[in-house]
mmCIF file of all heavy atoms, coordinates in Angstrom:
data_MODEL
# 
_entry.id   MODEL 
# 
loop_
_atom_site.group_PDB 
_atom_site.id 
_atom_site.type_symbol 
_atom_site.label_atom_id 
_atom_site.label_alt_id 
_atom_site.label_comp_id 
_atom_site.label_asym_id 
_atom_site.label_entity_id 
_atom_site.label_seq_id 
_atom_site.pdbx_PDB_ins_code 
_atom_site.Cartn_x 
_atom_site.Cartn_y 
_atom_site.Cartn_z 
_atom_site.occupancy 
_atom_site.B_iso_or_equiv 
_atom_site.pdbx_formal_charge 
_atom_site.auth_seq_id 
_atom_site.auth_comp_id 
_atom_site.auth_asym_id 
_atom_site.auth_atom_id 
_atom_site.pdbx_PDB_model_num 
ATOM 1   N N   . HIS A 1 1  ? 7.333  1.521   23.066 1.00 0.00 ? 1  HIS A N   1 
ATOM 2   C CA  . HIS A 1 1  ? 7.241  2.853   22.469 1.00 0.00 ? 1  HIS A CA  1 
ATOM 3   C C   . HIS A 1 1  ? 6.005  2.881   21.593 1.00 0.00 ? 1  HIS A C   1 
ATOM 4   O O   . HIS A 1 1  ? 5.726  1.940   20.843 1.00 0.00 ? 1  HIS A O   1 
ATOM 5   C CB  . HIS A 1 1  ? 8.493  3.173   21.642 1.00 0.00 ? 1  HIS A CB  1 
ATOM 6   C CG  . HIS A 1 1  ? 8.701  4.644   21.439 1.00 0.00 ? 1  HIS A CG  1 
ATOM 7   N ND1 . HIS A 1 1  ? 8.009  5.353   20.501 1.00 0.00 ? 1  HIS A ND1 1 
ATOM 8   C CD2 . HIS A 1 1  ? 9.531  5.529   22.061 1.00 0.00 ? 1  HIS A CD2 1 
ATOM 9   C CE1 . HIS A 1 1  ? 8.403  6.631   20.541 1.00 0.00 ? 1  HIS A CE1 1 
ATOM 10  N NE2 . HIS A 1 1  ? 9.324  6.756   21.484 1.00 0.00 ? 1  HIS A NE2 1 
ATOM 11  N N   . SER A 1 2  ? 5.282  3.964   21.647 1.00 0.00 ? 2  SER A N   1 
ATOM 12  C CA  . SER A 1 2  ? 4.011  4.048   20.917 1.00 0.00 ? 2  SER A CA  1 
ATOM 13  C C   . SER A 1 2  ? 4.201  4.283   19.432 1.00 0.00 ? 2  SER A C   1 
ATOM 14  O O   . SER A 1 2  ? 3.355  3.931   18.620 1.00 0.00 ? 2  SER A O   1 
ATOM 15  C CB  . SER A 1 2  ? 3.144  5.177   21.493 1.00 0.00 ? 2  SER A CB  1 
ATOM 16  O OG  . SER A 1 2  ? 3.836  6.418   21.417 1.00 0.00 ? 2  SER A OG  1 
ATOM 17  N N   . ASP A 1 3  ? 5.323  4.873   19.044 1.00 0.00 ? 3  ASP A N   1 
ATOM 18  C CA  . ASP A 1 3  ? 5.547  5.222   17.641 1.00 0.00 ? 3  ASP A CA  1 
ATOM 19  C C   . ASP A 1 3  ? 6.240  4.057   16.948 1.00 0.00 ? 3  ASP A C   1 
ATOM 20  O O   . ASP A 1 3  ? 7.374  3.720   17.255 1.00 0.00 ? 3  ASP A O   1 
ATOM 21  C CB  . ASP A 1 3  ? 6.409  6.487   17.545 1.00 0.00 ? 3  ASP A CB  1 
ATOM 22  C CG  . ASP A 1 3  ? 6.449  7.016   16.122 1.00 0.00 ? 3  ASP A CG  1 
ATOM 23  O OD1 . ASP A 1 3  ? 5.790  6.413   15.246 1.00 0.00 ? 3  ASP A OD1 1 
ATOM 24  O OD2 . ASP A 1 3  ? 7.149  8.027   15.898 1.00 0.00 ? 3  ASP A OD2 1 
ATOM 25  N N   . GLN A 1 4  ? 5.575  3.422   15.986 1.00 0.00 ? 4  GLN A N   1 
ATOM 26  C CA  . GLN A 1 4  ? 6.151  2.288   15.273 1.00 0.00 ? 4  GLN A CA  1 
ATOM 27  C C   . GLN A 1 4  ? 7.232  2.714   14.293 1.00 0.00 ? 4  GLN A C   1 
ATOM 28  O O   . GLN A 1 4  ? 8.024  1.888   13.861 1.00 0.00 ? 4  GLN A O   1 
ATOM 29  C CB  . GLN A 1 4  ? 5.059  1.536   14.505 1.00 0.00 ? 4  GLN A CB  1 
ATOM 30  C CG  . GLN A 1 4  ? 4.085  0.796   15.409 1.00 0.00 ? 4  GLN A CG  1 
ATOM 31  C CD  . GLN A 1 4  ? 3.160  -0.084  14.589 1.00 0.00 ? 4  GLN A CD  1 
ATOM 32  O OE1 . GLN A 1 4  ? 3.287  -0.143  13.367 1.00 0.00 ? 4  GLN A OE1 1 
ATOM 33  N NE2 . GLN A 1 4  ? 2.243  -0.746  15.260 1.00 0.00 ? 4  GLN A NE2 1 
ATOM 34  N N   . GLU A 1 5  ? 7.292  3.974   13.903 1.00 0.00 ? 5  GLU A N   1 
ATOM 35  C CA  . GLU A 1 5  ? 8.263  4.400   12.904 1.00 0.00 ? 5  GLU A CA  1 
ATOM 36  C C   . GLU A 1 5  ? 9.681  4.307   13.425 1.00 0.00 ? 5  GLU A C   1 
ATOM 37  O O   . GLU A 1 5  ? 10.626 4.208   12.644 1.00 0.00 ? 5  GLU A O   1 
ATOM 38  C CB  . GLU A 1 5  ? 7.964  5.845   12.469 1.00 0.00 ? 5  GLU A CB  1 
ATOM 39  C CG  . GLU A 1 5  ? 6.632  5.987   11.734 1.00 0.00 ? 5  GLU A CG  1 
ATOM 40  C CD  . GLU A 1 5  ? 6.378  7.415   11.320 1.00 0.00 ? 5  GLU A CD  1 
ATOM 41  O OE1 . GLU A 1 5  ? 7.229  8.271   11.659 1.00 0.00 ? 5  GLU A OE1 1 
ATOM 42  O OE2 . GLU A 1 5  ? 5.357  7.666   10.660 1.00 0.00 ? 5  GLU A OE2 1 
ATOM 43  N N   . GLU A 1 6  ? 9.882  4.348   14.761 1.00 0.00 ? 6  GLU A N   1 
ATOM 44  C CA  . GLU A 1 6  ? 11.222 4.274   15.309 1.00 0.00 ? 6  GLU A CA  1 
ATOM 45  C C   . GLU A 1 6  ? 11.726 2.846   15.408 1.00 0.00 ? 6  GLU A C   1 
ATOM 46  O O   . GLU A 1 6  ? 12.862 2.598   15.738 1.00 0.00 ? 6  GLU A O   1 
ATOM 47  C CB  . GLU A 1 6  ? 11.258 4.918   16.702 1.00 0.00 ? 6  GLU A CB  1 
ATOM 48  C CG  . GLU A 1 6  ? 10.963 6.404   16.665 1.00 0.00 ? 6  GLU A CG  1 
ATOM 49  C CD  . GLU A 1 6  ? 11.185 7.047   18.029 1.00 0.00 ? 6  GLU A CD  1 
ATOM 50  O OE1 . GLU A 1 6  ? 11.739 6.367   18.910 1.00 0.00 ? 6  GLU A OE1 1 
ATOM 51  O OE2 . GLU A 1 6  ? 10.807 8.208   18.186 1.00 0.00 ? 6  GLU A OE2 1 
ATOM 52  N N   . VAL A 1 7  ? 10.846 1.869   15.132 1.00 0.00 ? 7  VAL A N   1 
ATOM 53  C CA  . VAL A 1 7  ? 11.270 0.479   15.146 1.00 0.00 ? 7  VAL A CA  1 
ATOM 54  C C   . VAL A 1 7  ? 11.840 0.142   13.780 1.00 0.00 ? 7  VAL A C   1 
ATOM 55  O O   . VAL A 1 7  ? 11.144 0.200   12.778 1.00 0.00 ? 7  VAL A O   1 
ATOM 56  C CB  . VAL A 1 7  ? 10.076 -0.444  15.470 1.00 0.00 ? 7  VAL A CB  1 
ATOM 57  C CG1 . VAL A 1 7  ? 10.533 -1.894  15.522 1.00 0.00 ? 7  VAL A CG1 1 
ATOM 58  C CG2 . VAL A 1 7  ? 9.440  -0.030  16.787 1.00 0.00 ? 7  VAL A CG2 1 
ATOM 59  N N   . SER A 1 8  ? 13.100 -0.225  13.752 1.00 0.00 ? 8  SER A N   1 
ATOM 60  C CA  . SER A 1 8  ? 13.775 -0.487  12.478 1.00 0.00 ? 8  SER A CA  1 
ATOM 61  C C   . SER A 1 8  ? 13.471 -1.899  12.019 1.00 0.00 ? 8  SER A C   1 
ATOM 62  O O   . SER A 1 8  ? 12.970 -2.739  12.762 1.00 0.00 ? 8  SER A O   1 
ATOM 63  C CB  . SER A 1 8  ? 15.292 -0.323  12.644 1.00 0.00 ? 8  SER A CB  1 
ATOM 64  O OG  . SER A 1 8  ? 15.787 -1.257  13.574 1.00 0.00 ? 8  SER A OG  1 
ATOM 65  N N   . SER A 1 9  ? 13.804 -2.173  10.770 1.00 0.00 ? 9  SER A N   1 
ATOM 66  C CA  . SER A 1 9  ? 13.589 -3.500  10.210 1.00 0.00 ? 9  SER A CA  1 
ATOM 67  C C   . SER A 1 9  ? 14.546 -4.518  10.798 1.00 0.00 ? 9  SER A C   1 
ATOM 68  O O   . SER A 1 9  ? 14.405 -5.720  10.552 1.00 0.00 ? 9  SER A O   1 
ATOM 69  C CB  . SER A 1 9  ? 13.776 -3.445  8.691  1.00 0.00 ? 9  SER A CB  1 
ATOM 70  O OG  . SER A 1 9  ? 15.100 -3.021  8.376  1.00 0.00 ? 9  SER A OG  1 
ATOM 71  N N   . ALA A 1 10 ? 15.532 -4.068  11.579 1.00 0.00 ? 10 ALA A N   1 
ATOM 72  C CA  . ALA A 1 10 ? 16.486 -4.996  12.206 1.00 0.00 ? 10 ALA A CA  1 
ATOM 73  C C   . ALA A 1 10 ? 15.879 -5.738  13.381 1.00 0.00 ? 10 ALA A C   1 
ATOM 74  O O   . ALA A 1 10 ? 16.531 -6.581  13.988 1.00 0.00 ? 10 ALA A O   1 
ATOM 75  C CB  . ALA A 1 10 ? 17.722 -4.230  12.684 1.00 0.00 ? 10 ALA A CB  1 
ATOM 76  N N   . ASP A 1 11 ? 14.614 -5.470  13.712 1.00 0.00 ? 11 ASP A N   1 
ATOM 77  C CA  . ASP A 1 11 ? 13.977 -6.176  14.816 1.00 0.00 ? 11 ASP A CA  1 
ATOM 78  C C   . ASP A 1 11 ? 13.759 -7.643  14.493 1.00 0.00 ? 11 ASP A C   1 
ATOM 79  O O   . ASP A 1 11 ? 13.475 -8.431  15.372 1.00 0.00 ? 11 ASP A O   1 
ATOM 80  C CB  . ASP A 1 11 ? 12.626 -5.540  15.166 1.00 0.00 ? 11 ASP A CB  1 
ATOM 81  C CG  . ASP A 1 11 ? 12.823 -4.242  15.922 1.00 0.00 ? 11 ASP A CG  1 
ATOM 82  O OD1 . ASP A 1 11 ? 13.862 -4.109  16.580 1.00 0.00 ? 11 ASP A OD1 1 
ATOM 83  O OD2 . ASP A 1 11 ? 11.933 -3.379  15.843 1.00 0.00 ? 11 ASP A OD2 1 
ATOM 84  N N   . SER A 1 12 ? 13.852 -8.036  13.288 1.00 0.00 ? 12 SER A N   1 
ATOM 85  C CA  . SER A 1 12 ? 13.750 -9.431  12.908 1.00 0.00 ? 12 SER A CA  1 
ATOM 86  C C   . SER A 1 12 ? 15.067 -9.871  12.294 1.00 0.00 ? 12 SER A C   1 
ATOM 87  O O   . SER A 1 12 ? 15.605 -9.172  11.435 1.00 0.00 ? 12 SER A O   1 
ATOM 88  C CB  . SER A 1 12 ? 12.616 -9.628  11.897 1.00 0.00 ? 12 SER A CB  1 
ATOM 89  O OG  . SER A 1 12 ? 12.613 -10.946 11.417 1.00 0.00 ? 12 SER A OG  1 
ATOM 90  N N   . PRO A 1 13 ? 15.642 -11.004 12.683 1.00 0.00 ? 13 PRO A N   1 
ATOM 91  C CA  . PRO A 1 13 ? 16.920 -11.423 12.115 1.00 0.00 ? 13 PRO A CA  1 
ATOM 92  C C   . PRO A 1 13 ? 16.833 -11.711 10.626 1.00 0.00 ? 13 PRO A C   1 
ATOM 93  O O   . PRO A 1 13 ? 17.840 -11.708 9.925  1.00 0.00 ? 13 PRO A O   1 
ATOM 94  C CB  . PRO A 1 13 ? 17.246 -12.708 12.896 1.00 0.00 ? 13 PRO A CB  1 
ATOM 95  C CG  . PRO A 1 13 ? 15.949 -13.173 13.454 1.00 0.00 ? 13 PRO A CG  1 
ATOM 96  C CD  . PRO A 1 13 ? 15.145 -11.930 13.676 1.00 0.00 ? 13 PRO A CD  1 
ATOM 97  N N   . SER A 1 14 ? 15.619 -11.958 10.134 1.00 0.00 ? 14 SER A N   1 
ATOM 98  C CA  . SER A 1 14 ? 15.480 -12.198 8.697  1.00 0.00 ? 14 SER A CA  1 
ATOM 99  C C   . SER A 1 14 ? 15.351 -10.908 7.905  1.00 0.00 ? 14 SER A C   1 
ATOM 100 O O   . SER A 1 14 ? 15.290 -10.941 6.675  1.00 0.00 ? 14 SER A O   1 
ATOM 101 C CB  . SER A 1 14 ? 14.252 -13.081 8.442  1.00 0.00 ? 14 SER A CB  1 
ATOM 102 O OG  . SER A 1 14 ? 13.085 -12.438 8.922  1.00 0.00 ? 14 SER A OG  1 
ATOM 103 N N   . GLY A 1 15 ? 15.316 -9.739  8.597  1.00 0.00 ? 15 GLY A N   1 
ATOM 104 C CA  . GLY A 1 15 ? 15.241 -8.448  7.930  1.00 0.00 ? 15 GLY A CA  1 
ATOM 105 C C   . GLY A 1 15 ? 13.837 -8.035  7.584  1.00 0.00 ? 15 GLY A C   1 
ATOM 106 O O   . GLY A 1 15 ? 13.636 -7.046  6.876  1.00 0.00 ? 15 GLY A O   1 
ATOM 107 N N   . LYS A 1 16 ? 12.806 -8.751  8.088  1.00 0.00 ? 16 LYS A N   1 
ATOM 108 C CA  . LYS A 1 16 ? 11.426 -8.403  7.769  1.00 0.00 ? 16 LYS A CA  1 
ATOM 109 C C   . LYS A 1 16 ? 10.992 -7.191  8.564  1.00 0.00 ? 16 LYS A C   1 
ATOM 110 O O   . LYS A 1 16 ? 11.500 -6.902  9.629  1.00 0.00 ? 16 LYS A O   1 
ATOM 111 C CB  . LYS A 1 16 ? 10.504 -9.582  8.079  1.00 0.00 ? 16 LYS A CB  1 
ATOM 112 C CG  . LYS A 1 16 ? 10.747 -10.796 7.183  1.00 0.00 ? 16 LYS A CG  1 
ATOM 113 C CD  . LYS A 1 16 ? 9.797  -11.909 7.522  1.00 0.00 ? 16 LYS A CD  1 
ATOM 114 C CE  . LYS A 1 16 ? 10.030 -13.123 6.635  1.00 0.00 ? 16 LYS A CE  1 
ATOM 115 N NZ  . LYS A 1 16 ? 9.108  -14.225 6.961  1.00 0.00 ? 16 LYS A NZ  1 
ATOM 116 N N   . SER A 1 17 ? 10.012 -6.477  8.075  1.00 0.00 ? 17 SER A N   1 
ATOM 117 C CA  . SER A 1 17 ? 9.494  -5.294  8.753  1.00 0.00 ? 17 SER A CA  1 
ATOM 118 C C   . SER A 1 17 ? 8.491  -5.717  9.812  1.00 0.00 ? 17 SER A C   1 
ATOM 119 O O   . SER A 1 17 ? 8.285  -6.892  10.075 1.00 0.00 ? 17 SER A O   1 
ATOM 120 C CB  . SER A 1 17 ? 8.838  -4.353  7.738  1.00 0.00 ? 17 SER A CB  1 
ATOM 121 O OG  . SER A 1 17 ? 7.749  -5.001  7.126  1.00 0.00 ? 17 SER A OG  1 
ATOM 122 N N   . VAL A 1 18 ? 7.797  -4.724  10.386 1.00 0.00 ? 18 VAL A N   1 
ATOM 123 C CA  . VAL A 1 18 ? 6.854  -4.983  11.459 1.00 0.00 ? 18 VAL A CA  1 
ATOM 124 C C   . VAL A 1 18 ? 5.553  -5.583  10.936 1.00 0.00 ? 18 VAL A C   1 
ATOM 125 O O   . VAL A 1 18 ? 4.796  -6.170  11.678 1.00 0.00 ? 18 VAL A O   1 
ATOM 126 C CB  . VAL A 1 18 ? 6.582  -3.668  12.221 1.00 0.00 ? 18 VAL A CB  1 
ATOM 127 C CG1 . VAL A 1 18 ? 5.689  -3.924  13.426 1.00 0.00 ? 18 VAL A CG1 1 
ATOM 128 C CG2 . VAL A 1 18 ? 7.886  -3.032  12.678 1.00 0.00 ? 18 VAL A CG2 1 
ATOM 129 N N   . GLU A 1 19 ? 5.258  -5.496  9.672  1.00 0.00 ? 19 GLU A N   1 
ATOM 130 C CA  . GLU A 1 19 ? 3.974  -5.933  9.122  1.00 0.00 ? 19 GLU A CA  1 
ATOM 131 C C   . GLU A 1 19 ? 3.650  -7.401  9.385  1.00 0.00 ? 19 GLU A C   1 
ATOM 132 O O   . GLU A 1 19 ? 2.510  -7.727  9.707  1.00 0.00 ? 19 GLU A O   1 
ATOM 133 C CB  . GLU A 1 19 ? 3.933  -5.653  7.610  1.00 0.00 ? 19 GLU A CB  1 
ATOM 134 C CG  . GLU A 1 19 ? 3.941  -4.163  7.300  1.00 0.00 ? 19 GLU A CG  1 
ATOM 135 C CD  . GLU A 1 19 ? 3.943  -3.918  5.804  1.00 0.00 ? 19 GLU A CD  1 
ATOM 136 O OE1 . GLU A 1 19 ? 3.978  -4.917  5.053  1.00 0.00 ? 19 GLU A OE1 1 
ATOM 137 O OE2 . GLU A 1 19 ? 3.918  -2.753  5.397  1.00 0.00 ? 19 GLU A OE2 1 
ATOM 138 N N   . PRO A 1 20 ? 4.639  -8.332  9.277  1.00 0.00 ? 20 PRO A N   1 
ATOM 139 C CA  . PRO A 1 20 ? 4.278  -9.743  9.514  1.00 0.00 ? 20 PRO A CA  1 
ATOM 140 C C   . PRO A 1 20 ? 3.804  -10.029 10.931 1.00 0.00 ? 20 PRO A C   1 
ATOM 141 O O   . PRO A 1 20 ? 3.195  -11.069 11.163 1.00 0.00 ? 20 PRO A O   1 
ATOM 142 C CB  . PRO A 1 20 ? 5.584  -10.495 9.230  1.00 0.00 ? 20 PRO A CB  1 
ATOM 143 C CG  . PRO A 1 20 ? 6.328  -9.604  8.312  1.00 0.00 ? 20 PRO A CG  1 
ATOM 144 C CD  . PRO A 1 20 ? 5.990  -8.213  8.758  1.00 0.00 ? 20 PRO A CD  1 
ATOM 145 N N   . PHE A 1 21 ? 4.062  -9.158  11.898 1.00 0.00 ? 21 PHE A N   1 
ATOM 146 C CA  . PHE A 1 21 ? 3.636  -9.409  13.283 1.00 0.00 ? 21 PHE A CA  1 
ATOM 147 C C   . PHE A 1 21 ? 2.130  -9.604  13.352 1.00 0.00 ? 21 PHE A C   1 
ATOM 148 O O   . PHE A 1 21 ? 1.641  -10.511 14.001 1.00 0.00 ? 21 PHE A O   1 
ATOM 149 C CB  . PHE A 1 21 ? 4.040  -8.252  14.193 1.00 0.00 ? 21 PHE A CB  1 
ATOM 150 C CG  . PHE A 1 21 ? 5.529  -8.188  14.420 1.00 0.00 ? 21 PHE A CG  1 
ATOM 151 C CD1 . PHE A 1 21 ? 6.165  -6.966  14.463 1.00 0.00 ? 21 PHE A CD1 1 
ATOM 152 C CD2 . PHE A 1 21 ? 6.288  -9.333  14.607 1.00 0.00 ? 21 PHE A CD2 1 
ATOM 153 C CE1 . PHE A 1 21 ? 7.531  -6.896  14.682 1.00 0.00 ? 21 PHE A CE1 1 
ATOM 154 C CE2 . PHE A 1 21 ? 7.639  -9.265  14.822 1.00 0.00 ? 21 PHE A CE2 1 
ATOM 155 C CZ  . PHE A 1 21 ? 8.269  -8.056  14.853 1.00 0.00 ? 21 PHE A CZ  1 
ATOM 156 N N   . THR A 1 22 ? 1.381  -8.731  12.684 1.00 0.00 ? 22 THR A N   1 
ATOM 157 C CA  . THR A 1 22 ? -0.078 -8.834  12.725 1.00 0.00 ? 22 THR A CA  1 
ATOM 158 C C   . THR A 1 22 ? -0.549 -10.117 12.048 1.00 0.00 ? 22 THR A C   1 
ATOM 159 O O   . THR A 1 22 ? -1.556 -10.701 12.451 1.00 0.00 ? 22 THR A O   1 
ATOM 160 C CB  . THR A 1 22 ? -0.703 -7.625  12.023 1.00 0.00 ? 22 THR A CB  1 
ATOM 161 O OG1 . THR A 1 22 ? -0.175 -7.514  10.706 1.00 0.00 ? 22 THR A OG1 1 
ATOM 162 C CG2 . THR A 1 22 ? -0.400 -6.344  12.793 1.00 0.00 ? 22 THR A CG2 1 
ATOM 163 N N   . GLU A 1 23 ? 0.191  -10.555 11.056 1.00 0.00 ? 23 GLU A N   1 
ATOM 164 C CA  . GLU A 1 23 ? -0.177 -11.790 10.366 1.00 0.00 ? 23 GLU A CA  1 
ATOM 165 C C   . GLU A 1 23 ? -0.034 -12.990 11.301 1.00 0.00 ? 23 GLU A C   1 
ATOM 166 O O   . GLU A 1 23 ? -0.879 -13.876 11.327 1.00 0.00 ? 23 GLU A O   1 
ATOM 167 C CB  . GLU A 1 23 ? 0.715  -11.968 9.135  1.00 0.00 ? 23 GLU A CB  1 
ATOM 168 C CG  . GLU A 1 23 ? 0.432  -13.246 8.361  1.00 0.00 ? 23 GLU A CG  1 
ATOM 169 C CD  . GLU A 1 23 ? 1.412  -13.425 7.220  1.00 0.00 ? 23 GLU A CD  1 
ATOM 170 O OE1 . GLU A 1 23 ? 2.164  -12.469 6.939  1.00 0.00 ? 23 GLU A OE1 1 
ATOM 171 O OE2 . GLU A 1 23 ? 1.435  -14.532 6.651  1.00 0.00 ? 23 GLU A OE2 1 
ATOM 172 N N   . PHE A 1 24 ? 1.026  -13.018 12.096 1.00 0.00 ? 24 PHE A N   1 
ATOM 173 C CA  . PHE A 1 24 ? 1.262  -14.128 13.004 1.00 0.00 ? 24 PHE A CA  1 
ATOM 174 C C   . PHE A 1 24 ? 0.277  -14.131 14.166 1.00 0.00 ? 24 PHE A C   1 
ATOM 175 O O   . PHE A 1 24 ? -0.143 -15.177 14.625 1.00 0.00 ? 24 PHE A O   1 
ATOM 176 C CB  . PHE A 1 24 ? 2.697  -14.090 13.535 1.00 0.00 ? 24 PHE A CB  1 
ATOM 177 C CG  . PHE A 1 24 ? 3.723  -14.415 12.485 1.00 0.00 ? 24 PHE A CG  1 
ATOM 178 C CD1 . PHE A 1 24 ? 5.049  -14.077 12.659 1.00 0.00 ? 24 PHE A CD1 1 
ATOM 179 C CD2 . PHE A 1 24 ? 3.352  -15.057 11.315 1.00 0.00 ? 24 PHE A CD2 1 
ATOM 180 C CE1 . PHE A 1 24 ? 5.992  -14.379 11.691 1.00 0.00 ? 24 PHE A CE1 1 
ATOM 181 C CE2 . PHE A 1 24 ? 4.291  -15.366 10.338 1.00 0.00 ? 24 PHE A CE2 1 
ATOM 182 C CZ  . PHE A 1 24 ? 5.613  -15.020 10.529 1.00 0.00 ? 24 PHE A CZ  1 
ATOM 183 N N   . THR A 1 25 ? -0.088 -12.962 14.645 1.00 0.00 ? 25 THR A N   1 
ATOM 184 C CA  . THR A 1 25 ? -0.995 -12.912 15.795 1.00 0.00 ? 25 THR A CA  1 
ATOM 185 C C   . THR A 1 25 ? -2.372 -13.452 15.444 1.00 0.00 ? 25 THR A C   1 
ATOM 186 O O   . THR A 1 25 ? -3.102 -13.919 16.321 1.00 0.00 ? 25 THR A O   1 
ATOM 187 C CB  . THR A 1 25 ? -1.152 -11.462 16.300 1.00 0.00 ? 25 THR A CB  1 
ATOM 188 O OG1 . THR A 1 25 ? -1.522 -10.625 15.216 1.00 0.00 ? 25 THR A OG1 1 
ATOM 189 C CG2 . THR A 1 25 ? 0.135  -10.969 16.916 1.00 0.00 ? 25 THR A CG2 1 
ATOM 190 N N   . ASN A 1 26 ? -2.756 -13.408 14.191 1.00 0.00 ? 26 ASN A N   1 
ATOM 191 C CA  . ASN A 1 26 ? -4.069 -13.937 13.794 1.00 0.00 ? 26 ASN A CA  1 
ATOM 192 C C   . ASN A 1 26 ? -4.102 -15.462 13.793 1.00 0.00 ? 26 ASN A C   1 
ATOM 193 O O   . ASN A 1 26 ? -5.168 -16.062 13.854 1.00 0.00 ? 26 ASN A O   1 
ATOM 194 C CB  . ASN A 1 26 ? -4.437 -13.433 12.386 1.00 0.00 ? 26 ASN A CB  1 
ATOM 195 C CG  . ASN A 1 26 ? -4.628 -11.922 12.375 1.00 0.00 ? 26 ASN A CG  1 
ATOM 196 O OD1 . ASN A 1 26 ? -5.017 -11.335 13.373 1.00 0.00 ? 26 ASN A OD1 1 
ATOM 197 N ND2 . ASN A 1 26 ? -4.358 -11.303 11.222 1.00 0.00 ? 26 ASN A ND2 1 
# 
């Protein structure tokens, strides 16, 4: 899905938001 706002913080079992994804990809 192109809209990130519909992705809830439950996508990570630790409850983290989508922001750490970019950190890991680097």
